[in-house]
Amino acid sequence: MLTVKLPRIKFLFISKGEEFMSKKINLWVLITGAVIGIAALVLTAFGNPANMGFCIACFLRDIAGATKMHTAPVVQYIRPEIIGLVLGSTILAVIRGEFKPKAGSSPATRFIIGAFVMIGALVFLGCPLRMVIRMGGGDLNAFVGLVGFALGILIGIFFLKKGFTLKRSYTVTLSEGMALPGIMIGLLVLLIAVPAIFTFSTEGPGSKHAPLVLSLLVALVVGALAQRSRICMVGGMRDAVMFKDFNLLAGFGVIFLVVLIGNIILGNFKGFSTYLQPISHASQLWNLLGMVLVGWGSVLLGGCPLRQLILAGEGNGDSAVTVLGMIVGAAFAHNFGLAGGAASLAEDGTYSAGGIGDAGKIAVAIGFGVLLIISIVNTLKQREAKKA
């Protein structure tokens, strides 16, 4: 088996003339971040919605719509990017001997957390990955989301330090590990062979997509690189706070810079603004609170939505259950009017800042309550286990 070893780059952070920190940044993380940024630009240029070259939450939502789990007509499409991310991870994990089926770490709890992470993301209108892509597109609303995301991660870290755990997972059968990759293979076969069984949007974000083959190939590459580098924004922020390790976080800095520079070169960058950003709203309190829910829930899960897809591709059944929870959460969000509405400008010049309705606000509040209960219960259980 051919193994390519890339060097680790040593970064020195200097303060008042003295070195106070020395960390190593894995070059695979930087390469993955650069490729994701370029991929987002390419997929957008070939048809994906603006500032949405990659969005795990949005794409899972579109799949839920295409399979008729929800009936919102503007967000229905089988996104090849999701299929490619999972299968790219699976292929490289098999090649590297890292496909190791395991499960059993509080799957029902993970399903519930995954659903609420999705609801929070759709209130904000994007996952952590799209948040960074939106930032690179000049969307100041996404910077508000970043603040909320960081706050949510800090809440999750608080419980981690108190002993929170969803318990360990165990080795399981190959069929269990292949659950989500198998679903993705099935979706791809059906999409190619009998696309008429799905429902596809004829207008709105769901109708905007890059060619199937291009989307699939790009996502296969990104999925493989994400498996190799372990890139994860939640893990990056968590490690930066808890261990002063900026390795994973550096990848998302690269994504931001590549997308920002790429948009400037392509003429898509119109400056930083909150006004009429693509598929974005300016209800800042709910931009913030939606991403608090995403950050908190993702820390409890052990990874952001992108990381959950990659782990599921490696045979992690708990992450597969989490992804299924996200899909169900997306269906709930659109069946019951929980998702945010994008800002818009009518033909008569009337501007709407967008935002979320009362149902969405209640859902976010319920999500906070559920995560608080899960956090406390699983922290106390760990303490009781140690005493015993």
Protein backbone atom coordinates (compact mmCIF):
# COMPACT_ATOMS: atom_id res chain seq x y z
CA MET A 1 0.00 0.00 0.00
CA LEU A 2 1.40 3.38 -1.05
CA THR A 3 1.57 5.86 1.79
CA VAL A 4 2.23 9.55 1.25
CA LYS A 5 3.53 11.42 4.25
CA LEU A 6 3.21 15.16 4.21
CA PRO A 7 5.23 17.30 6.60
CA ARG A 8 3.80 19.10 9.58
CA ILE A 9 4.43 22.83 9.53
CA LYS A 10 5.47 24.48 12.76
CA PHE A 11 3.82 27.82 13.45
CA LEU A 12 5.17 30.12 16.15
CA PHE A 13 2.87 32.63 17.81
CA ILE A 14 4.90 35.51 19.27
CA SER A 15 3.66 37.95 21.93
CA LYS A 16 5.73 40.83 23.33
CA GLY A 17 8.85 39.41 21.80
CA GLU A 18 8.54 36.04 23.52
CA GLU A 19 7.37 32.74 22.16
CA PHE A 20 4.39 31.51 24.16
CA MET A 21 2.99 28.80 21.94
CA SER A 22 4.33 26.34 19.41
CA LYS A 23 1.95 24.10 17.48
CA LYS A 24 2.16 21.92 14.42
CA ILE A 25 -0.34 22.26 11.60
CA ASN A 26 -0.86 19.15 9.50
CA LEU A 27 -0.42 19.99 5.82
CA TRP A 28 -3.28 17.62 4.93
CA VAL A 29 -5.65 19.95 6.82
CA LEU A 30 -4.47 22.96 4.83
CA ILE A 31 -4.74 21.05 1.54
CA THR A 32 -8.25 19.87 2.44
CA GLY A 33 -9.31 23.40 3.31
CA ALA A 34 -7.94 24.75 0.02
CA VAL A 35 -9.64 22.01 -2.02
CA ILE A 36 -12.97 22.55 -0.24
CA GLY A 37 -12.77 26.29 -0.92
CA ILE A 38 -11.97 25.73 -4.60
CA ALA A 39 -14.67 23.05 -4.85
CA ALA A 40 -17.26 25.43 -3.40
CA LEU A 41 -16.35 28.07 -5.97
CA VAL A 42 -16.40 25.60 -8.85
CA LEU A 43 -19.73 24.04 -7.92
CA THR A 44 -21.29 27.48 -7.51
CA ALA A 45 -19.93 28.59 -10.88
CA PHE A 46 -21.48 25.50 -12.50
CA GLY A 47 -24.94 25.90 -10.99
CA ASN A 48 -25.12 25.47 -7.22
CA PRO A 49 -26.85 28.33 -5.37
CA ALA A 50 -24.70 31.37 -4.55
CA ASN A 51 -22.62 31.00 -1.37
CA MET A 52 -23.67 27.34 -1.29
CA GLY A 53 -21.00 25.35 -3.06
CA PHE A 54 -21.19 22.99 -0.11
CA CYS A 55 -23.77 22.99 2.69
CA ILE A 56 -24.37 19.75 4.57
CA ALA A 57 -27.59 20.98 6.20
CA CYS A 58 -29.04 22.41 3.00
CA PHE A 59 -28.14 19.38 0.92
CA LEU A 60 -29.56 16.89 3.44
CA ARG A 61 -32.71 19.03 3.50
CA ASP A 62 -32.92 18.85 -0.30
CA ILE A 63 -32.58 15.05 -0.17
CA ALA A 64 -35.35 14.89 2.41
CA GLY A 65 -37.54 16.88 0.02
CA ALA A 66 -36.66 14.82 -3.04
CA THR A 67 -37.61 11.63 -1.17
CA LYS A 68 -40.92 13.29 -0.20
CA MET A 69 -40.20 13.49 3.52
CA HIS A 70 -41.21 17.15 3.29
CA THR A 71 -43.24 19.01 0.66
CA ALA A 72 -41.51 22.40 0.41
CA PRO A 73 -41.37 22.71 -3.40
CA VAL A 74 -38.27 24.93 -3.62
CA VAL A 75 -35.84 22.66 -1.72
CA GLN A 76 -36.08 19.21 -3.32
CA TYR A 77 -33.14 17.53 -5.07
CA ILE A 78 -30.93 14.49 -4.60
CA ARG A 79 -27.60 16.20 -3.96
CA PRO A 80 -24.70 14.15 -5.38
CA GLU A 81 -22.37 16.07 -3.08
CA ILE A 82 -23.70 14.21 -0.02
CA ILE A 83 -23.34 10.87 -1.79
CA GLY A 84 -19.81 11.72 -2.88
CA LEU A 85 -18.68 12.90 0.56
CA VAL A 86 -19.77 9.65 2.21
CA LEU A 87 -18.45 7.34 -0.52
CA GLY A 88 -15.17 9.27 -0.85
CA SER A 89 -14.62 8.72 2.86
CA THR A 90 -15.53 5.04 2.55
CA ILE A 91 -13.21 4.39 -0.36
CA LEU A 92 -10.17 6.00 1.26
CA ALA A 93 -10.95 4.43 4.66
CA VAL A 94 -10.97 0.98 3.01
CA ILE A 95 -7.72 1.69 1.13
CA ARG A 96 -6.01 2.90 4.31
CA GLY A 97 -7.37 0.09 6.47
CA GLU A 98 -9.43 2.52 8.54
CA PHE A 99 -12.90 1.22 7.70
CA LYS A 100 -13.81 -0.14 11.12
CA PRO A 101 -17.54 -0.68 11.77
CA LYS A 102 -18.56 0.38 15.26
CA ALA A 103 -21.70 1.60 16.99
CA GLY A 104 -23.61 1.55 20.26
CA SER A 105 -22.76 4.97 21.71
CA SER A 106 -26.24 6.23 22.70
CA PRO A 107 -27.69 6.03 19.16
CA ALA A 108 -31.19 7.26 20.09
CA THR A 109 -29.74 10.28 21.90
CA ARG A 110 -27.52 11.02 18.90
CA PHE A 111 -30.54 10.83 16.59
CA ILE A 112 -32.36 13.46 18.69
CA ILE A 113 -29.33 15.74 18.92
CA GLY A 114 -28.79 15.43 15.17
CA ALA A 115 -32.39 16.51 14.54
CA PHE A 116 -32.00 19.63 16.67
CA VAL A 117 -28.61 20.47 15.15
CA MET A 118 -30.35 20.44 11.77
CA ILE A 119 -33.20 22.64 13.02
CA GLY A 120 -30.67 25.16 14.37
CA ALA A 121 -28.77 25.12 11.07
CA LEU A 122 -31.93 25.71 9.02
CA VAL A 123 -32.95 28.58 11.30
CA PHE A 124 -29.58 30.14 10.45
CA LEU A 125 -29.80 28.84 6.85
CA GLY A 126 -26.60 26.85 6.73
CA CYS A 127 -24.27 24.41 8.45
CA PRO A 128 -20.86 25.46 9.86
CA LEU A 129 -19.26 24.79 6.47
CA ARG A 130 -21.71 27.04 4.62
CA MET A 131 -21.27 29.62 7.38
CA VAL A 132 -17.59 29.91 6.45
CA ILE A 133 -18.43 29.94 2.72
CA ARG A 134 -20.96 32.71 3.34
CA MET A 135 -18.34 34.66 5.27
CA GLY A 136 -16.02 34.37 2.27
CA GLY A 137 -18.83 35.72 0.12
CA GLY A 138 -19.13 38.87 2.23
CA ASP A 139 -22.21 37.87 4.24
CA LEU A 140 -21.95 39.67 7.60
CA ASN A 141 -24.97 37.72 8.84
CA ALA A 142 -22.70 34.66 8.81
CA PHE A 143 -20.24 36.41 11.13
CA VAL A 144 -23.08 36.76 13.63
CA GLY A 145 -23.68 33.05 13.19
CA LEU A 146 -19.99 32.42 13.90
CA VAL A 147 -20.32 34.19 17.25
CA GLY A 148 -23.30 32.00 18.12
CA PHE A 149 -21.49 28.89 16.93
CA ALA A 150 -18.52 29.69 19.18
CA LEU A 151 -20.82 30.31 22.15
CA GLY A 152 -22.51 26.97 21.59
CA ILE A 153 -19.15 25.22 21.46
CA LEU A 154 -18.14 26.88 24.73
CA ILE A 155 -21.33 25.58 26.36
CA GLY A 156 -20.57 22.09 25.08
CA ILE A 157 -16.97 22.33 26.31
CA PHE A 158 -18.25 23.29 29.76
CA PHE A 159 -20.11 19.98 29.98
CA LEU A 160 -17.19 18.04 28.49
CA LYS A 161 -14.98 19.36 31.27
CA LYS A 162 -17.61 18.31 33.80
CA GLY A 163 -17.44 14.75 32.46
CA PHE A 164 -20.13 14.58 29.76
CA THR A 165 -20.02 11.44 27.64
CA LEU A 166 -22.32 9.43 25.41
CA LYS A 167 -20.30 6.31 26.31
CA ARG A 168 -18.05 4.27 24.09
CA SER A 169 -18.96 2.47 20.89
CA TYR A 170 -18.29 -1.19 20.10
CA THR A 171 -17.19 -3.22 17.11
CA VAL A 172 -20.17 -4.26 14.99
CA THR A 173 -20.81 -6.20 11.79
CA LEU A 174 -19.82 -5.02 8.32
CA SER A 175 -23.49 -4.58 7.39
CA GLU A 176 -23.93 -2.12 10.26
CA GLY A 177 -20.88 -0.14 9.18
CA MET A 178 -22.08 -0.04 5.59
CA ALA A 179 -25.53 1.30 6.51
CA LEU A 180 -25.11 4.89 5.34
CA PRO A 181 -22.68 4.15 2.48
CA GLY A 182 -25.21 1.54 1.31
CA ILE A 183 -28.03 4.07 1.42
CA MET A 184 -25.92 6.51 -0.59
CA ILE A 185 -25.11 3.86 -3.21
CA GLY A 186 -28.82 3.07 -3.45
CA LEU A 187 -29.72 6.75 -3.88
CA LEU A 188 -27.11 7.13 -6.62
CA VAL A 189 -28.35 4.06 -8.51
CA LEU A 190 -31.95 5.24 -8.31
CA LEU A 191 -30.99 8.79 -9.30
CA ILE A 192 -29.30 7.50 -12.45
CA ALA A 193 -31.68 4.66 -13.32
CA VAL A 194 -35.14 5.92 -12.29
CA PRO A 195 -34.95 9.65 -11.43
CA ALA A 196 -38.70 9.99 -11.94
CA ILE A 197 -39.37 8.40 -8.54
CA PHE A 198 -37.95 11.50 -6.87
CA THR A 199 -39.41 14.99 -6.65
CA PHE A 200 -37.20 17.80 -7.97
CA SER A 201 -37.65 21.54 -7.53
CA THR A 202 -38.38 23.60 -10.63
CA GLU A 203 -37.60 26.89 -8.90
CA GLY A 204 -35.75 28.10 -5.83
CA PRO A 205 -32.48 26.73 -4.36
CA GLY A 206 -33.43 23.12 -5.08
CA SER A 207 -33.57 23.82 -8.81
CA LYS A 208 -30.02 25.21 -8.85
CA HIS A 209 -27.34 22.57 -9.06
CA ALA A 210 -24.10 21.73 -10.82
CA PRO A 211 -24.04 18.77 -13.24
CA LEU A 212 -24.43 15.41 -11.50
CA VAL A 213 -21.10 13.94 -12.61
CA LEU A 214 -19.13 17.06 -11.66
CA SER A 215 -20.82 17.29 -8.25
CA LEU A 216 -20.18 13.62 -7.55
CA LEU A 217 -16.52 13.65 -8.60
CA VAL A 218 -15.72 16.82 -6.68
CA ALA A 219 -17.42 15.47 -3.56
CA LEU A 220 -15.58 12.13 -3.82
CA VAL A 221 -12.28 14.02 -3.71
CA VAL A 222 -13.39 16.24 -0.83
CA GLY A 223 -14.76 13.23 1.09
CA ALA A 224 -11.47 11.36 0.72
CA LEU A 225 -9.42 14.39 1.80
CA ALA A 226 -11.74 15.05 4.76
CA GLN A 227 -11.28 11.43 5.83
CA ARG A 228 -7.51 11.76 5.59
CA SER A 229 -7.22 15.11 7.39
CA ARG A 230 -10.04 14.64 9.98
CA ILE A 231 -11.07 18.25 9.29
CA CYS A 232 -13.89 19.44 11.56
CA MET A 233 -14.77 22.98 12.57
CA VAL A 234 -16.32 21.93 15.87
CA GLY A 235 -13.30 19.81 16.66
CA GLY A 236 -11.07 22.70 15.60
CA MET A 237 -12.69 25.21 17.95
CA ARG A 238 -12.90 22.63 20.75
CA ASP A 239 -9.20 21.77 20.43
CA ALA A 240 -8.22 25.44 20.24
CA VAL A 241 -10.06 26.22 23.49
CA MET A 242 -9.21 23.06 25.43
CA PHE A 243 -5.70 22.26 24.19
CA LYS A 244 -4.49 25.42 22.43
CA ASP A 245 -4.26 23.27 19.29
CA PHE A 246 -5.18 25.18 16.12
CA ASN A 247 -4.51 22.32 13.71
CA LEU A 248 -8.08 21.57 12.58
CA LEU A 249 -9.22 25.18 12.84
CA ALA A 250 -6.54 26.24 10.37
CA GLY A 251 -8.34 24.32 7.62
CA PHE A 252 -11.42 26.49 7.95
CA GLY A 253 -9.29 29.61 7.89
CA VAL A 254 -7.97 28.39 4.54
CA ILE A 255 -11.52 27.75 3.28
CA PHE A 256 -12.49 31.32 4.16
CA LEU A 257 -9.44 32.84 2.47
CA VAL A 258 -9.77 30.71 -0.69
CA VAL A 259 -13.48 31.51 -1.05
CA LEU A 260 -12.93 35.22 -0.36
CA ILE A 261 -10.05 35.51 -2.84
CA GLY A 262 -11.88 33.37 -5.39
CA ASN A 263 -15.02 35.51 -5.19
CA ILE A 264 -12.93 38.66 -5.66
CA ILE A 265 -11.17 37.19 -8.72
CA LEU A 266 -14.47 35.96 -10.21
CA GLY A 267 -16.14 39.32 -9.62
CA ASN A 268 -18.70 37.88 -7.21
CA PHE A 269 -17.55 39.83 -4.16
CA LYS A 270 -19.53 43.04 -3.61
CA GLY A 271 -18.13 43.92 -0.18
CA PHE A 272 -19.16 42.88 3.31
CA SER A 273 -22.83 43.53 4.02
CA THR A 274 -25.94 42.14 5.70
CA TYR A 275 -28.15 43.31 2.84
CA LEU A 276 -29.73 40.81 0.45
CA GLN A 277 -27.07 38.15 0.82
CA PRO A 278 -27.90 34.92 -1.08
CA ILE A 279 -30.22 32.60 0.88
CA SER A 280 -29.59 34.51 4.10
CA HIS A 281 -31.65 36.59 6.51
CA ALA A 282 -30.82 39.55 8.72
CA SER A 283 -32.66 38.48 11.87
CA GLN A 284 -29.46 38.58 13.87
CA LEU A 285 -30.73 37.23 17.19
CA TRP A 286 -31.89 34.07 15.45
CA ASN A 287 -28.78 33.82 13.31
CA LEU A 288 -26.90 33.74 16.58
CA LEU A 289 -29.24 31.44 18.53
CA GLY A 290 -29.63 28.99 15.66
CA MET A 291 -25.87 28.50 15.54
CA VAL A 292 -25.59 28.27 19.33
CA LEU A 293 -27.83 25.22 19.00
CA VAL A 294 -25.64 23.84 16.20
CA GLY A 295 -22.39 24.39 18.10
CA TRP A 296 -23.63 22.96 21.38
CA GLY A 297 -25.20 19.91 19.79
CA SER A 298 -22.18 19.23 17.58
CA VAL A 299 -19.82 19.23 20.58
CA LEU A 300 -22.03 16.66 22.29
CA LEU A 301 -21.97 14.56 19.11
CA GLY A 302 -18.20 14.86 18.76
CA GLY A 303 -18.18 16.58 15.38
CA CYS A 304 -19.87 18.97 12.96
CA PRO A 305 -22.32 17.76 10.26
CA LEU A 306 -19.49 17.35 7.73
CA ARG A 307 -17.51 15.25 10.19
CA GLN A 308 -20.57 13.08 10.89
CA LEU A 309 -20.83 12.24 7.18
CA ILE A 310 -17.15 11.36 7.01
CA LEU A 311 -17.30 9.20 10.14
CA ALA A 312 -20.37 7.40 8.80
CA GLY A 313 -18.38 6.71 5.64
CA GLU A 314 -15.70 5.09 7.81
CA GLY A 315 -18.25 2.65 9.21
CA ASN A 316 -19.38 4.55 12.30
CA GLY A 317 -22.99 3.49 12.85
CA ASP A 318 -23.56 6.15 15.50
CA SER A 319 -22.68 8.88 13.01
CA ALA A 320 -24.97 7.21 10.47
CA VAL A 321 -27.82 7.43 12.98
CA THR A 322 -26.91 11.08 13.58
CA VAL A 323 -27.11 11.83 9.85
CA LEU A 324 -30.50 10.13 9.66
CA GLY A 325 -31.59 12.27 12.60
CA MET A 326 -30.48 15.36 10.67
CA ILE A 327 -32.54 14.30 7.66
CA VAL A 328 -35.62 13.81 9.85
CA GLY A 329 -34.91 17.16 11.53
CA ALA A 330 -34.84 18.80 8.09
CA ALA A 331 -38.19 17.21 7.23
CA PHE A 332 -39.69 18.52 10.48
CA ALA A 333 -38.23 21.96 9.88
CA HIS A 334 -39.97 22.33 6.52
CA ASN A 335 -43.17 20.44 7.30
CA PHE A 336 -43.83 22.61 10.36
CA GLY A 337 -42.42 25.97 9.25
CA LEU A 338 -39.37 25.99 11.53
CA ALA A 339 -36.73 27.01 8.98
CA GLY A 340 -35.63 30.57 8.37
CA GLY A 341 -36.86 32.57 5.43
CA ALA A 342 -34.33 34.30 3.20
CA ALA A 343 -34.29 38.04 2.66
CA SER A 344 -35.91 39.14 -0.58
CA LEU A 345 -36.57 42.15 -2.76
CA ALA A 346 -39.96 42.28 -4.49
CA GLU A 347 -40.48 43.65 -7.99
CA ASP A 348 -42.02 46.81 -6.53
CA GLY A 349 -38.84 47.42 -4.53
CA THR A 350 -40.20 46.21 -1.19
CA TYR A 351 -37.40 44.72 0.92
CA SER A 352 -37.92 41.90 3.39
CA ALA A 353 -35.11 41.13 5.83
CA GLY A 354 -36.35 37.57 6.24
CA GLY A 355 -36.13 35.67 9.52
CA ILE A 356 -38.08 32.95 11.28
CA GLY A 357 -41.62 32.56 12.52
CA ASP A 358 -42.90 31.77 15.99
CA ALA A 359 -42.78 28.02 15.34
CA GLY A 360 -39.07 28.22 14.58
CA LYS A 361 -38.39 30.28 17.69
CA ILE A 362 -40.24 27.76 19.84
CA ALA A 363 -38.31 24.91 18.22
CA VAL A 364 -34.97 26.56 19.03
CA ALA A 365 -36.08 27.10 22.64
CA ILE A 366 -37.15 23.45 22.90
CA GLY A 367 -33.81 22.44 21.39
CA PHE A 368 -31.95 24.32 24.13
CA GLY A 369 -34.05 22.57 26.75
CA VAL A 370 -33.45 19.14 25.23
CA LEU A 371 -29.69 19.67 24.92
CA LEU A 372 -29.53 20.94 28.51
CA ILE A 373 -31.29 17.83 29.79
CA ILE A 374 -29.08 15.53 27.71
CA SER A 375 -25.95 17.38 28.85
CA ILE A 376 -26.84 17.25 32.54
CA VAL A 377 -28.10 13.65 32.58
CA ASN A 378 -25.06 12.27 30.75
CA THR A 379 -22.71 14.27 32.96
CA LEU A 380 -24.32 13.03 36.17
CA LYS A 381 -24.34 9.44 34.91
CA GLN A 382 -20.60 9.64 34.33
CA ARG A 383 -20.02 10.94 37.83
CA GLU A 384 -22.16 8.19 39.34
CA ALA A 385 -20.28 5.57 37.32
CA LYS A 386 -16.95 6.87 38.66
CA LYS A 387 -18.22 6.76 42.25
CA ALA A 388 -19.40 3.18 41.79
